[in-house]
């Protein structure tokens, strides 16, 4: 009897140590964790391949309007030509051509100027290029916001997997202690073979969970490395997260904001404008084109087919008028194609509006659900702590078996892990809600970063 009492004290002491360990692993700063969210976000801005590709695409798009404007400006071309002619006339009935051999050099220099006076397609193209630049601006901003979400999500997954490993290790140690206790009781004839097999199965399951948790941690760290190119991943835990209702606390207000500011929606609106200008540009192919042309030429030759050489300068200036008449139906076909593309863009805009409304509502509800979930799990965790305490006391009086105490400890571990997962989900859902509303910025990353435990 005294031996059982001693084991009861061991179980109770171990349970208290285990409970304290669970609390401390989430509340105490880790010395090894020295890199915060902002550090990885800055690295991702420099090293993420997708964001770098978006940056280069944005830089290229800055040239679109400049190229369109260039069509309205004068163009000046210089030409130079040097030729050598050898001539051998065997027989000639014309007094202009002398029989015999001759050779001479010829030099030609020219400057050609062209200035569009009226070309409606060029003017439309400038407006279209302006809309294309707005498309590029929206695409770059969408890539930047997407990078923020990916970094936060990857960082939170690292924290989740680390918490899971620590929690599973605590559970494994508890099960190992229970297994050792059961083994000792079995050797003394105080436990049956079924109890022994049950303890062994629990221990093997805990080991399997630990293996899986370590694999998930490696994958999560690798995902953050993929974004940031940082191979030595270290993350800092959160302080206690206090959930706050979204402001304004109205889903309709968030949807209204999203319809005005969502980046993807703005992007699609500009694509509609680009398609509309394309229709006008294709119509412009039916309009006349008027250009001013001018050229200066200098010709010099040491000889000609008729004999002596010459030098000559020419100056020409004029107005060129061009009106397309028939092009085999090409212009009409391109107009119809542009009109169809315009209708396609409008349909895609309607599709995007519906998607934005759905995703914004879902993001808002996810934030609200996360808040309720955090509160419920916090209450559940406190209940499990009380239940564990009662079962520990009941074990000492013989009311509960040691396996029941172990089950209560496992439930407390699970409740604690689920609680912190809910906290991480709350953080991520807030970020996604702001992304849907089109208001996600670097300040939000800084705000989340300030919730970490900096040393």
Protein backbone atom coordinates (compact mmCIF):
# COMPACT_ATOMS: atom_id res chain seq x y z
CA UNK A 1 0.00 0.00 0.00
CA UNK A 2 2.84 2.30 0.88
CA UNK A 3 4.40 1.48 -2.49
CA UNK A 4 1.22 2.57 -4.32
CA UNK A 5 1.19 5.80 -2.33
CA UNK A 6 4.73 6.53 -3.41
CA UNK A 7 3.78 5.98 -7.06
CA UNK A 8 0.79 8.24 -6.55
CA UNK A 9 3.07 11.00 -5.33
CA UNK A 10 5.31 10.46 -8.39
CA UNK A 11 2.34 10.70 -10.75
CA UNK A 12 1.06 13.85 -9.07
CA UNK A 13 4.49 15.47 -9.05
CA UNK A 14 5.08 14.58 -12.68
CA UNK A 15 1.65 15.90 -13.63
CA UNK A 16 2.38 19.24 -11.99
CA UNK A 17 5.75 19.48 -13.70
CA UNK A 18 4.11 18.59 -16.99
CA UNK A 19 1.39 21.21 -16.57
CA UNK A 20 3.95 23.87 -15.68
CA UNK A 21 6.03 22.86 -18.71
CA UNK A 22 3.07 23.28 -21.03
CA UNK A 23 2.38 26.77 -19.71
CA UNK A 24 6.02 27.84 -19.79
CA UNK A 25 6.70 26.60 -23.29
CA UNK A 26 4.18 29.16 -24.56
CA UNK A 27 4.85 31.98 -22.11
CA UNK A 28 8.63 32.06 -21.64
CA UNK A 29 10.93 33.48 -24.35
CA UNK A 30 13.32 31.07 -26.00
CA UNK A 31 16.94 32.16 -26.16
CA UNK A 32 17.49 30.48 -29.49
CA UNK A 33 14.58 32.30 -31.10
CA UNK A 34 16.12 35.59 -32.17
CA UNK A 35 14.59 36.34 -35.59
CA UNK A 36 11.20 37.97 -35.85
CA UNK A 37 8.51 38.25 -38.50
CA UNK A 38 9.73 41.59 -39.83
CA UNK A 39 13.20 40.12 -40.37
CA UNK A 40 11.79 37.37 -42.59
CA UNK A 41 9.48 39.76 -44.43
CA UNK A 42 12.41 41.99 -45.39
CA UNK A 43 14.36 38.93 -46.52
CA UNK A 44 11.39 37.77 -48.59
CA UNK A 45 11.19 41.14 -50.33
CA UNK A 46 14.79 40.64 -51.47
CA UNK A 47 14.85 36.90 -52.12
CA UNK A 48 11.38 35.55 -52.93
CA UNK A 49 11.47 34.44 -56.57
CA UNK A 50 7.80 35.16 -57.27
CA UNK A 51 8.01 38.67 -55.83
CA UNK A 52 11.25 39.39 -57.70
CA UNK A 53 9.60 38.29 -60.95
CA UNK A 54 6.69 40.63 -60.18
CA UNK A 55 9.16 43.45 -59.48
CA UNK A 56 10.92 42.97 -62.82
CA UNK A 57 7.57 42.81 -64.62
CA UNK A 58 6.59 46.07 -62.93
CA UNK A 59 9.85 47.74 -63.99
CA UNK A 60 9.25 46.60 -67.58
CA UNK A 61 5.72 47.99 -67.54
CA UNK A 62 7.09 51.48 -66.76
CA UNK A 63 8.22 51.63 -70.41
CA UNK A 64 4.80 50.94 -71.96
CA UNK A 65 3.48 54.51 -72.01
CA UNK A 66 6.84 55.95 -72.99
CA UNK A 67 6.86 53.68 -76.04
CA UNK A 68 3.30 54.73 -76.93
CA UNK A 69 4.17 58.44 -76.70
CA UNK A 70 7.21 57.86 -78.93
CA UNK A 71 4.84 57.15 -81.84
CA UNK A 72 3.60 60.78 -81.65
CA UNK A 73 7.07 62.30 -81.70
CA UNK A 74 9.21 63.03 -84.79
CA UNK A 75 11.54 60.34 -86.07
CA UNK A 76 14.78 61.14 -87.85
CA UNK A 77 16.80 58.56 -89.77
CA UNK A 78 20.22 58.91 -91.39
CA UNK A 79 21.26 56.78 -94.37
CA UNK A 80 24.64 56.46 -96.03
CA UNK A 81 25.63 54.41 -99.03
CA UNK A 82 28.95 53.91 -100.84
CA UNK A 83 29.02 51.89 -104.09
CA UNK A 84 31.64 50.97 -106.66
CA UNK A 85 30.60 50.40 -110.29
CA UNK A 86 32.57 48.67 -113.05
CA UNK A 87 31.20 49.03 -116.57
CA UNK A 88 32.30 47.37 -119.86
CA UNK A 89 30.27 48.35 -122.94
CA UNK A 90 31.19 46.15 -125.93
CA UNK A 91 28.92 47.73 -128.52
CA UNK A 92 26.53 50.71 -128.42
CA UNK A 93 24.20 52.29 -131.01
CA UNK A 94 23.44 55.19 -128.66
CA UNK A 95 25.58 58.26 -128.44
CA UNK A 96 24.84 58.36 -124.72
CA UNK A 97 26.83 55.22 -124.02
CA UNK A 98 30.46 55.11 -124.97
CA UNK A 99 32.06 51.81 -125.87
CA UNK A 100 34.84 50.62 -123.62
CA UNK A 101 35.55 50.05 -119.98
CA UNK A 102 34.96 52.50 -117.14
CA UNK A 103 34.55 52.47 -113.37
CA UNK A 104 33.45 54.99 -110.77
CA UNK A 105 32.49 55.49 -107.11
CA UNK A 106 29.14 56.77 -105.86
CA UNK A 107 28.36 58.22 -102.42
CA UNK A 108 24.84 58.92 -101.10
CA UNK A 109 23.94 60.62 -97.79
CA UNK A 110 20.43 61.39 -96.58
CA UNK A 111 18.41 62.53 -93.55
CA UNK A 112 14.74 61.57 -93.42
CA UNK A 113 12.26 63.24 -91.05
CA UNK A 114 8.73 62.08 -90.26
CA UNK A 115 6.29 63.79 -87.89
CA UNK A 116 2.79 62.34 -87.42
CA UNK A 117 0.15 65.07 -87.71
CA UNK A 118 -2.95 62.96 -87.33
CA UNK A 119 -3.03 59.29 -86.42
CA UNK A 120 -5.95 58.51 -84.15
CA UNK A 121 -4.66 54.99 -83.40
CA UNK A 122 -1.53 56.53 -81.83
CA UNK A 123 -3.59 58.78 -79.53
CA UNK A 124 -5.75 55.85 -78.44
CA UNK A 125 -2.64 53.78 -77.83
CA UNK A 126 -1.33 56.42 -75.38
CA UNK A 127 -4.55 56.22 -73.36
CA UNK A 128 -4.45 52.43 -73.50
CA UNK A 129 -0.84 52.40 -72.32
CA UNK A 130 -1.87 54.52 -69.34
CA UNK A 131 -4.43 51.88 -68.38
CA UNK A 132 -1.87 49.12 -68.89
CA UNK A 133 0.44 50.90 -66.46
CA UNK A 134 -2.40 50.93 -63.93
CA UNK A 135 -2.82 47.20 -64.51
CA UNK A 136 0.89 46.75 -63.78
CA UNK A 137 0.59 48.88 -60.62
CA UNK A 138 -2.30 46.74 -59.37
CA UNK A 139 -0.49 43.49 -60.22
CA UNK A 140 2.59 44.62 -58.31
CA UNK A 141 0.53 45.66 -55.28
CA UNK A 142 -1.31 42.33 -55.39
CA UNK A 143 2.05 40.52 -55.44
CA UNK A 144 3.25 42.58 -52.48
CA UNK A 145 0.15 41.78 -50.43
CA UNK A 146 0.36 38.13 -51.44
CA UNK A 147 3.97 38.09 -50.19
CA UNK A 148 2.85 39.46 -46.81
CA UNK A 149 0.22 36.75 -46.43
CA UNK A 150 2.64 34.01 -47.48
CA UNK A 151 5.34 35.17 -45.04
CA UNK A 152 2.90 35.43 -42.13
CA UNK A 153 1.38 32.05 -42.94
CA UNK A 154 4.78 30.36 -43.25
CA UNK A 155 5.98 31.95 -40.00
CA UNK A 156 2.86 30.83 -38.13
CA UNK A 157 3.22 27.29 -39.47
CA UNK A 158 6.75 27.19 -38.07
CA UNK A 159 5.42 28.23 -34.66
CA UNK A 160 2.63 25.65 -34.83
CA UNK A 161 5.03 22.82 -35.64
CA UNK A 162 7.46 23.83 -32.91
CA UNK A 163 4.62 23.97 -30.38
CA UNK A 164 3.44 20.57 -31.62
CA UNK A 165 6.91 19.04 -31.13
CA UNK A 166 7.26 20.40 -27.62
CA UNK A 167 3.75 19.29 -26.72
CA UNK A 168 4.20 15.81 -28.18
CA UNK A 169 7.53 15.45 -26.40
CA UNK A 170 5.87 16.29 -23.09
CA UNK A 171 3.13 13.78 -23.86
CA UNK A 172 5.71 11.16 -24.83
CA UNK A 173 7.63 11.69 -21.59
CA UNK A 174 4.41 11.31 -19.61
CA UNK A 175 3.50 8.12 -21.45
CA UNK A 176 7.03 6.82 -20.96
CA UNK A 177 6.72 7.40 -17.21
CA UNK A 178 3.36 5.65 -17.27
CA UNK A 179 4.87 2.76 -19.22
CA UNK A 180 7.73 2.44 -16.72
CA UNK A 181 5.23 2.45 -13.87
CA UNK A 182 3.05 -0.17 -15.55
CA UNK A 183 6.08 -2.29 -16.33
CA UNK A 184 7.16 -2.18 -12.69
CA UNK A 185 3.66 -3.10 -11.50
CA UNK A 186 3.51 -5.91 -14.08
CA UNK A 187 6.83 -7.33 -12.91
CA UNK A 188 5.48 -7.32 -9.36
CA UNK A 189 2.24 -8.96 -10.38
CA UNK A 190 0.15 -5.86 -9.64
CA UNK A 191 -0.89 -5.27 -13.30
CA UNK A 192 -2.17 -7.62 -15.98
CA UNK A 193 -0.75 -8.25 -19.43
CA UNK A 194 -3.56 -6.16 -20.98
CA UNK A 195 -2.42 -3.12 -18.99
CA UNK A 196 1.11 -3.76 -20.15
CA UNK A 197 0.08 -3.93 -23.81
CA UNK A 198 -2.04 -0.80 -23.45
CA UNK A 199 0.89 1.16 -21.97
CA UNK A 200 3.20 -0.07 -24.71
CA UNK A 201 0.70 0.90 -27.42
CA UNK A 202 0.33 4.38 -25.94
CA UNK A 203 4.10 4.82 -25.91
CA UNK A 204 4.47 3.68 -29.54
CA UNK A 205 1.69 6.05 -30.58
CA UNK A 206 3.39 8.95 -28.80
CA UNK A 207 6.66 8.15 -30.59
CA UNK A 208 4.87 8.05 -33.94
CA UNK A 209 3.28 11.41 -33.22
CA UNK A 210 6.69 12.87 -32.45
CA UNK A 211 8.13 11.57 -35.73
CA UNK A 212 5.23 13.11 -37.65
CA UNK A 213 5.56 16.40 -35.78
CA UNK A 214 9.27 16.62 -36.63
CA UNK A 215 8.55 15.94 -40.31
CA UNK A 216 5.93 18.70 -40.37
CA UNK A 217 8.39 21.04 -38.69
CA UNK A 218 11.04 20.35 -41.34
CA UNK A 219 8.51 21.01 -44.10
CA UNK A 220 7.33 24.26 -42.46
CA UNK A 221 10.90 25.50 -42.04
CA UNK A 222 11.67 24.57 -45.65
CA UNK A 223 8.62 26.55 -46.80
CA UNK A 224 9.92 29.65 -45.01
CA UNK A 225 13.38 29.05 -46.50
CA UNK A 226 11.83 28.84 -49.96
CA UNK A 227 10.36 32.32 -49.53
CA UNK A 228 13.25 34.03 -47.72
CA UNK A 229 16.34 32.02 -48.80
CA UNK A 230 17.29 31.88 -45.10
CA UNK A 231 18.62 28.43 -44.21
CA UNK A 232 19.07 28.97 -40.48
CA UNK A 233 15.42 29.31 -39.47
CA UNK A 234 14.67 30.58 -35.97
CA UNK A 235 11.31 32.00 -34.92
CA UNK A 236 10.07 33.99 -31.95
CA UNK A 237 6.89 33.02 -30.08
CA UNK A 238 3.90 35.26 -29.49
CA UNK A 239 2.91 37.03 -26.34
CA UNK A 240 -0.55 36.26 -25.04
CA UNK A 241 -2.92 37.06 -27.89
CA UNK A 242 -6.02 39.01 -26.86
CA UNK A 243 -8.58 38.78 -29.68
CA UNK A 244 -10.30 41.99 -30.72
CA UNK A 245 -13.40 42.29 -32.87
CA UNK A 246 -12.80 43.61 -36.38
CA UNK A 247 -13.50 47.32 -36.79
CA UNK A 248 -16.03 48.05 -38.11
CA UNK A 249 -17.87 45.03 -36.74
CA UNK A 250 -20.10 44.75 -39.79
CA UNK A 251 -19.59 42.36 -42.67
CA UNK A 252 -21.44 44.70 -45.06
CA UNK A 253 -18.97 47.51 -44.29
CA UNK A 254 -16.05 45.24 -45.09
CA UNK A 255 -17.69 44.05 -48.32
CA UNK A 256 -18.36 47.64 -49.35
CA UNK A 257 -14.72 48.54 -48.71
CA UNK A 258 -13.54 45.48 -50.65
CA UNK A 259 -15.67 46.39 -53.68
CA UNK A 260 -13.95 49.78 -53.75
CA UNK A 261 -10.39 48.88 -52.77
CA UNK A 262 -9.68 45.20 -53.41
CA UNK A 263 -6.52 45.03 -55.50
CA UNK A 264 -7.59 42.13 -57.71
CA UNK A 265 -10.88 43.87 -58.42
CA UNK A 266 -9.10 47.12 -59.27
CA UNK A 267 -6.79 45.15 -61.54
CA UNK A 268 -9.73 43.70 -63.45
CA UNK A 269 -11.37 47.14 -63.82
CA UNK A 270 -8.23 48.44 -65.50
CA UNK A 271 -8.18 45.39 -67.77
CA UNK A 272 -11.71 46.31 -68.88
CA UNK A 273 -10.47 49.83 -69.68
CA UNK A 274 -7.55 48.38 -71.68
CA UNK A 275 -9.95 46.19 -73.68
CA UNK A 276 -12.24 49.17 -74.33
CA UNK A 277 -9.34 51.23 -75.70
CA UNK A 278 -8.36 48.27 -77.88
CA UNK A 279 -11.77 48.43 -79.58
CA UNK A 280 -11.25 52.13 -80.29
CA UNK A 281 -7.75 51.48 -81.59
CA UNK A 282 -9.00 48.88 -84.04
CA UNK A 283 -11.73 51.26 -85.25
CA UNK A 284 -9.00 53.84 -85.83
CA UNK A 285 -7.57 51.67 -88.59
CA UNK A 286 -10.40 53.02 -90.80
CA UNK A 287 -9.35 56.64 -90.27
CA UNK A 288 -6.93 58.61 -92.47
CA UNK A 289 -3.32 59.15 -91.44
CA UNK A 290 -1.54 62.44 -92.08
CA UNK A 291 2.23 62.81 -91.71
CA UNK A 292 4.72 65.56 -92.36
CA UNK A 293 7.77 64.25 -94.22
CA UNK A 294 11.05 65.85 -95.13
CA UNK A 295 14.46 64.76 -96.28
CA UNK A 296 17.86 66.13 -97.18
CA UNK A 297 20.03 64.18 -99.64
CA UNK A 298 23.54 64.51 -101.00
CA UNK A 299 24.75 62.47 -103.97
CA UNK A 300 28.29 62.45 -105.29
CA UNK A 301 29.73 60.29 -108.06
CA UNK A 302 33.06 60.17 -109.89
CA UNK A 303 31.24 58.96 -113.00
CA UNK A 304 27.97 57.67 -114.49
CA UNK A 305 26.77 55.37 -117.23
CA UNK A 306 26.89 58.35 -119.53
CA UNK A 307 30.28 59.67 -118.66
CA UNK A 308 31.32 62.48 -116.27
CA UNK A 309 30.70 62.66 -112.54
CA UNK A 310 28.50 65.00 -110.55
CA UNK A 311 27.61 66.40 -107.13
CA UNK A 312 24.05 67.22 -106.12
CA UNK A 313 22.06 68.26 -103.01
CA UNK A 314 18.29 67.82 -102.62
CA UNK A 315 15.81 69.26 -100.09
CA UNK A 316 12.26 67.90 -99.94
CA UNK A 317 9.30 68.59 -97.63
CA UNK A 318 5.68 67.57 -97.89
CA UNK A 319 2.47 66.27 -96.37
CA UNK A 320 1.57 62.62 -96.82
CA UNK A 321 -2.08 61.61 -96.67
CA UNK A 322 -3.03 57.93 -96.40
CA UNK A 323 -6.54 56.46 -96.30
CA UNK A 324 -7.04 52.68 -96.08
CA UNK A 325 -9.73 51.49 -98.47
CA UNK A 326 -9.80 47.71 -98.71
CA UNK A 327 -7.70 45.27 -96.69
CA UNK A 328 -9.50 42.01 -97.32
CA UNK A 329 -11.75 42.30 -94.23
CA UNK A 330 -8.77 42.36 -91.83
CA UNK A 331 -9.83 45.56 -90.04
CA UNK A 332 -13.42 44.38 -89.54
CA UNK A 333 -12.19 41.04 -88.20
CA UNK A 334 -9.88 42.75 -85.70
CA UNK A 335 -12.71 45.02 -84.55
CA UNK A 336 -14.94 42.02 -83.88
CA UNK A 337 -12.13 40.29 -82.00
CA UNK A 338 -11.53 43.37 -79.83
CA UNK A 339 -15.25 43.66 -79.07
CA UNK A 340 -15.36 40.03 -77.98
CA UNK A 341 -12.29 40.55 -75.75
CA UNK A 342 -14.00 43.57 -74.21
CA UNK A 343 -17.11 41.53 -73.37
CA UNK A 344 -14.84 38.84 -71.94
CA UNK A 345 -13.15 41.41 -69.68
CA UNK A 346 -16.55 42.64 -68.44
CA UNK A 347 -17.59 39.06 -67.60
CA UNK A 348 -14.31 38.50 -65.75
CA UNK A 349 -14.94 41.71 -63.80
CA UNK A 350 -18.37 40.44 -62.74
CA UNK A 351 -16.81 37.12 -61.74
CA UNK A 352 -14.13 38.92 -59.71
CA UNK A 353 -16.75 41.03 -57.90
CA UNK A 354 -18.61 37.90 -56.82
CA UNK A 355 -15.38 36.26 -55.69
CA UNK A 356 -14.37 39.32 -53.67
CA UNK A 357 -17.75 39.48 -51.95
CA UNK A 358 -17.60 35.78 -51.05
CA UNK A 359 -13.98 35.85 -49.86
CA UNK A 360 -14.49 39.03 -47.82
CA UNK A 361 -17.54 37.60 -46.09
CA UNK A 362 -15.65 34.36 -45.43
CA UNK A 363 -12.62 36.24 -44.07
CA UNK A 364 -14.81 38.35 -41.78
CA UNK A 365 -16.64 35.28 -40.47
CA UNK A 366 -13.33 33.47 -39.98
CA UNK A 367 -12.08 36.31 -37.76
CA UNK A 368 -15.30 36.25 -35.73
CA UNK A 369 -15.15 32.46 -35.50
CA UNK A 370 -11.52 32.60 -34.39
CA UNK A 371 -12.45 34.96 -31.56
CA UNK A 372 -15.26 32.68 -30.36
CA UNK A 373 -13.01 29.65 -30.78
CA UNK A 374 -10.23 31.21 -28.69
CA UNK A 375 -12.64 32.00 -25.87
CA UNK A 376 -14.22 28.54 -25.99
CA UNK A 377 -10.87 26.74 -26.05
CA UNK A 378 -9.51 28.89 -23.24
CA UNK A 379 -12.49 27.89 -21.11
CA UNK A 380 -12.06 24.27 -22.21
CA UNK A 381 -8.39 24.35 -21.24
CA UNK A 382 -9.22 25.70 -17.79
CA UNK A 383 -11.81 22.95 -17.38
CA UNK A 384 -9.22 20.34 -18.34
CA UNK A 385 -6.79 21.78 -15.81
CA UNK A 386 -9.45 21.46 -13.10
CA UNK A 387 -10.34 17.94 -14.26
CA UNK A 388 -6.69 16.90 -14.15
CA UNK A 389 -6.33 18.30 -10.64
CA UNK A 390 -9.39 16.37 -9.43
CA UNK A 391 -8.23 13.13 -11.04
CA UNK A 392 -4.80 13.49 -9.50
CA UNK A 393 -6.40 13.84 -6.08
CA UNK A 394 -8.79 10.98 -6.84
CA UNK A 395 -5.88 8.79 -7.89
CA UNK A 396 -4.24 9.27 -4.49
CA UNK A 397 -7.43 8.15 -2.75
CA UNK A 398 -7.92 5.20 -5.11
CA UNK A 399 -10.93 6.72 -6.90
CA UNK A 400 -9.16 6.88 -10.31
CA UNK A 401 -6.66 4.66 -12.07
CA UNK A 402 -3.34 6.02 -13.27
CA UNK A 403 -4.45 5.57 -16.89
CA UNK A 404 -7.34 7.98 -16.25
CA UNK A 405 -4.91 10.57 -14.94
CA UNK A 406 -2.79 10.06 -18.06
CA UNK A 407 -5.85 10.53 -20.30
CA UNK A 408 -6.69 13.75 -18.48
CA UNK A 409 -3.14 14.98 -19.00
CA UNK A 410 -3.33 14.14 -22.69
CA UNK A 411 -6.62 16.02 -23.04
CA UNK A 412 -5.06 19.05 -21.36
CA UNK A 413 -2.17 18.92 -23.81
CA UNK A 414 -4.56 18.69 -26.73
CA UNK A 415 -6.67 21.57 -25.38
CA UNK A 416 -3.58 23.75 -24.94
CA UNK A 417 -2.36 22.99 -28.45
CA UNK A 418 -5.77 23.69 -29.99
CA UNK A 419 -5.97 26.96 -28.09
CA UNK A 420 -2.72 28.25 -29.52
CA UNK A 421 -3.62 27.04 -32.99
CA UNK A 422 -6.79 29.12 -32.72
CA UNK A 423 -4.69 32.13 -31.73
CA UNK A 424 -2.50 31.68 -34.81
CA UNK A 425 -5.58 31.31 -37.00
CA UNK A 426 -6.94 34.55 -35.57
CA UNK A 427 -3.76 36.40 -36.57
CA UNK A 428 -3.77 34.95 -40.09
CA UNK A 429 -7.50 35.53 -40.61
CA UNK A 430 -7.07 39.20 -39.69
CA UNK A 431 -4.33 39.53 -42.29
CA UNK A 432 -6.50 37.85 -44.95
CA UNK A 433 -9.48 40.06 -44.10
CA UNK A 434 -7.39 43.18 -44.67
CA UNK A 435 -6.07 41.70 -47.89
CA UNK A 436 -9.64 41.13 -49.12
CA UNK A 437 -10.54 44.71 -48.23
CA UNK A 438 -7.46 46.00 -50.08
CA UNK A 439 -5.98 47.73 -47.02
CA UNK A 440 -3.18 45.34 -46.11
CA UNK A 441 0.11 47.22 -45.66
CA UNK A 442 3.55 46.98 -44.07
CA UNK A 443 2.09 48.51 -40.91
CA UNK A 444 0.06 45.34 -40.39
CA UNK A 445 3.23 43.24 -40.53
CA UNK A 446 4.81 45.58 -37.98
CA UNK A 447 1.73 45.32 -35.76
CA UNK A 448 1.86 41.51 -35.79
CA UNK A 449 5.62 41.65 -35.25
CA UNK A 450 5.10 43.76 -32.11
CA UNK A 451 3.05 40.91 -30.65
CA UNK A 452 6.13 38.66 -30.63
CA UNK A 453 8.32 38.16 -27.58
CA UNK A 454 11.46 40.12 -28.44
CA UNK A 455 14.46 39.61 -26.23
